C-alpha atoms as a PDB file:
ATOM      1  CA  MET A   1      18.132   4.254  -7.820  1.00  0.00           C
ATOM      2  CA  ASN A   2      18.834   0.833  -9.919  1.00  0.00           C
ATOM      3  CA  PHE A   3      15.715   0.319 -11.994  1.00  0.00           C
ATOM      4  CA  GLY A   4      17.187  -3.291 -12.670  1.00  0.00           C
ATOM      5  CA  LYS A   5      15.838  -4.352  -9.465  1.00  0.00           C
ATOM      6  CA  LEU A   6      11.888  -3.427  -9.715  1.00  0.00           C
ATOM      7  CA  ASP A   7      11.481  -7.413 -10.167  1.00  0.00           C
ATOM      8  CA  ARG A   8       7.924  -7.626  -8.571  1.00  0.00           C
ATOM      9  CA  LEU A   9       4.559  -6.706 -10.471  1.00  0.00           C
ATOM     10  CA  VAL A  10       2.234  -5.036  -7.843  1.00  0.00           C
ATOM     11  CA  MET A  11      -1.172  -3.114  -8.242  1.00  0.00           C
ATOM     12  CA  LEU A  12      -1.271   0.191  -6.656  1.00  0.00           C
ATOM     13  CA  GLN A  13      -5.200   0.962  -5.326  1.00  0.00           C
ATOM     14  CA  GLN A  14      -7.030   4.046  -4.171  1.00  0.00           C
ATOM     15  CA  PRO A  15      -9.621   4.229  -1.637  1.00  0.00           C
ATOM     16  CA  GLN A  16     -13.199   5.048  -3.387  1.00  0.00           C
ATOM     17  CA  PRO A  17     -16.219   6.797  -1.781  1.00  0.00           C
ATOM     18  CA  ASP A  18     -18.490   4.369  -0.071  1.00  0.00           C
ATOM     19  CA  PRO A  19     -21.050   3.067  -1.969  1.00  0.00           C
ATOM     20  CA  ALA A  20     -24.503   4.063  -0.478  1.00  0.00           C
ATOM     21  CA  ASP A  21     -26.297   1.319   1.625  1.00  0.00           C
ATOM     22  CA  SER A  22     -29.933  -0.190   0.999  1.00  0.00           C
ATOM     23  CA  PHE A  23     -31.228   2.647   3.091  1.00  0.00           C
ATOM     24  CA  GLY A  24     -29.266   5.752   1.176  1.00  0.00           C
ATOM     25  CA  GLY A  25     -26.517   6.541   3.460  1.00  0.00           C
ATOM     26  CA  PRO A  26     -23.150   5.898   3.353  1.00  0.00           C
ATOM     27  CA  GLY A  27     -21.923   2.104   2.926  1.00  0.00           C
ATOM     28  CA  GLN A  28     -19.755   0.759   5.976  1.00  0.00           C
ATOM     29  CA  GLN A  29     -17.073  -0.959   3.882  1.00  0.00           C
ATOM     30  CA  LEU A  30     -14.024   1.011   2.028  1.00  0.00           C
ATOM     31  CA  VAL A  31     -13.666   0.035  -1.454  1.00  0.00           C
ATOM     32  CA  TYR A  32     -10.547   0.373  -3.239  1.00  0.00           C
ATOM     33  CA  ALA A  33     -10.060   0.768  -6.756  1.00  0.00           C
ATOM     34  CA  ASP A  34      -6.986  -0.477  -9.077  1.00  0.00           C
ATOM     35  CA  VAL A  35      -4.869   2.777 -10.345  1.00  0.00           C
ATOM     36  CA  ALA A  36      -2.070   1.261 -11.758  1.00  0.00           C
ATOM     37  CA  GLU A  37       0.421  -1.757 -12.001  1.00  0.00           C
ATOM     38  CA  VAL A  38       3.890  -1.012 -11.630  1.00  0.00           C
ATOM     39  CA  TRP A  39       7.403  -2.591 -11.376  1.00  0.00           C
ATOM     40  CA  ALA A  40       8.581  -2.630  -7.859  1.00  0.00           C
ATOM     41  CA  GLU A  41      11.578  -3.423  -5.460  1.00  0.00           C
ATOM     42  CA  GLN A  42      10.734  -5.109  -1.988  1.00  0.00           C
ATOM     43  CA  LYS A  43      12.690  -4.625   1.262  1.00  0.00           C
ATOM     44  CA  PRO A  44      11.150  -6.682   3.830  1.00  0.00           C
ATOM     45  CA  GLY A  45      11.460  -5.271   7.179  1.00  0.00           C
ATOM     46  CA  ALA A  46      10.809  -6.658  10.791  1.00  0.00           C
ATOM     47  CA  GLY A  47       7.721  -8.159  12.068  1.00  0.00           C
ATOM     48  CA  SER A  48       6.105  -7.465  15.049  1.00  0.00           C
ATOM     49  CA  GLU A  49       2.931  -7.799  17.053  1.00  0.00           C
ATOM     50  CA  VAL A  50       0.478  -4.862  18.291  1.00  0.00           C
ATOM     51  CA  LEU A  51      -2.771  -4.963  20.187  1.00  0.00           C
ATOM     52  CA  GLN A  52      -5.958  -4.354  17.939  1.00  0.00           C
ATOM     53  CA  GLY A  53      -9.101  -4.287  19.757  1.00  0.00           C
ATOM     54  CA  ASP A  54      -8.038  -6.894  22.612  1.00  0.00           C
ATOM     55  CA  GLN A  55      -6.560  -9.261  20.113  1.00  0.00           C
ATOM     56  CA  LEU A  56      -2.798  -9.672  19.280  1.00  0.00           C
ATOM     57  CA  THR A  57      -2.378  -9.381  15.756  1.00  0.00           C
ATOM     58  CA  ALA A  58       1.434  -9.813  13.309  1.00  0.00           C
ATOM     59  CA  VAL A  59       2.286  -6.995  11.508  1.00  0.00           C
ATOM     60  CA  GLN A  60       4.905  -7.219   8.757  1.00  0.00           C
ATOM     61  CA  VAL A  61       6.368  -4.274   7.651  1.00  0.00           C
ATOM     62  CA  SER A  62       8.004  -3.381   4.375  1.00  0.00           C
ATOM     63  CA  THR A  63       9.445  -0.807   2.204  1.00  0.00           C
ATOM     64  CA  TRP A  64       8.728  -0.532  -1.685  1.00  0.00           C
ATOM     65  CA  LEU A  65      10.713   1.145  -4.152  1.00  0.00           C
ATOM     66  CA  ILE A  66       8.796   2.423  -7.280  1.00  0.00           C
ATOM     67  CA  ARG A  67       9.319   4.903 -10.157  1.00  0.00           C
ATOM     68  CA  TYR A  68       8.161   8.236  -9.232  1.00  0.00           C
ATOM     69  CA  ASP A  69       4.339   9.331  -9.394  1.00  0.00           C
ATOM     70  CA  ALA A  70       3.212  12.287  -8.013  1.00  0.00           C
ATOM     71  CA  GLU A  71      -0.315  10.818  -7.626  1.00  0.00           C
ATOM     72  CA  VAL A  72       0.752   8.168  -4.910  1.00  0.00           C
ATOM     73  CA  GLN A  73      -1.083   9.259  -1.492  1.00  0.00           C
ATOM     74  CA  PRO A  74      -0.545   7.684   1.949  1.00  0.00           C
ATOM     75  CA  THR A  75      -4.283   6.570   2.151  1.00  0.00           C
ATOM     76  CA  TRP A  76      -3.624   4.186  -0.926  1.00  0.00           C
ATOM     77  CA  GLN A  77      -2.951   0.084  -0.652  1.00  0.00           C
ATOM     78  CA  LEU A  78      -0.725  -2.051  -2.547  1.00  0.00           C
ATOM     79  CA  VAL A  79      -1.307  -5.562  -3.416  1.00  0.00           C
ATOM     80  CA  TYR A  80       1.634  -8.046  -4.363  1.00  0.00           C
ATOM     81  CA  GLU A  81       0.810 -11.675  -5.075  1.00  0.00           C
ATOM     82  CA  GLY A  82      -2.632 -11.526  -3.269  1.00  0.00           C
ATOM     83  CA  ALA A  83      -1.498 -10.077  -0.033  1.00  0.00           C
ATOM     84  CA  VAL A  84      -2.726  -6.215   0.580  1.00  0.00           C
ATOM     85  CA  TYR A  85      -0.126  -3.932   2.015  1.00  0.00           C
ATOM     86  CA  ALA A  86      -1.336  -0.521   3.636  1.00  0.00           C
ATOM     87  CA  ILE A  87       0.632   2.238   2.591  1.00  0.00           C
ATOM     88  CA  THR A  88       1.535   4.134   5.807  1.00  0.00           C
ATOM     89  CA  GLY A  89       4.232   6.627   4.003  1.00  0.00           C
ATOM     90  CA  VAL A  90       5.437   7.792   0.624  1.00  0.00           C
ATOM     91  CA  GLN A  91       8.912   9.390   0.596  1.00  0.00           C
ATOM     92  CA  GLU A  92      10.335  11.052  -2.786  1.00  0.00           C
ATOM     93  CA  ILE A  93      13.797   9.512  -3.859  1.00  0.00           C
ATOM     94  CA  GLY A  94      15.987  12.365  -5.345  1.00  0.00           C
ATOM     95  CA  ARG A  95      14.628  14.763  -7.853  1.00  0.00           C
ATOM     96  CA  ARG A  96      11.355  13.073  -8.655  1.00  0.00           C
ATOM     97  CA  THR A  97      13.523   9.949  -9.188  1.00  0.00           C
ATOM     98  CA  GLY A  98      11.403   7.590  -7.399  1.00  0.00           C
ATOM     99  CA  LEU A  99       9.482   6.991  -4.270  1.00  0.00           C
ATOM    100  CA  THR A 100       9.573   4.913  -1.327  1.00  0.00           C
ATOM    101  CA  LEU A 101       6.454   3.483   0.114  1.00  0.00           C
ATOM    102  CA  THR A 102       6.489   2.562   3.547  1.00  0.00           C
ATOM    103  CA  THR A 103       3.888  -0.578   4.199  1.00  0.00           C
ATOM    104  CA  TYR A 104       2.353  -3.082   6.522  1.00  0.00           C
ATOM    105  CA  ARG A 105       0.468  -6.129   6.202  1.00  0.00           C
ATOM    106  CA  ARG A 106      -1.599  -7.768   8.969  1.00  0.00           C
ATOM    107  CA  GLY A 107      -1.662 -11.320   9.203  1.00  0.00           C
END
């Protein structure tokens, strides 16, 4: 892994427990909290279209390379320049050298 190619500053966020609604029950909207700001290399992938709820939606797949962090989970999300990427896969590179994050962005 060439750490010199980590040229994009991204924010990693993890989901938080739903805040209670006005009736004391669990909230309906998923809330994310900032965990770490890290340097990453983006490798854009192919775009596609998927059918979600009777609506055709464009999806952009990307992979991101970051330094190894044992805490990163596929339930997290990555934010880069205001765009939110849902993390769908986390793979270790080498022996704890780095991580490959597979993400998608709806748009």
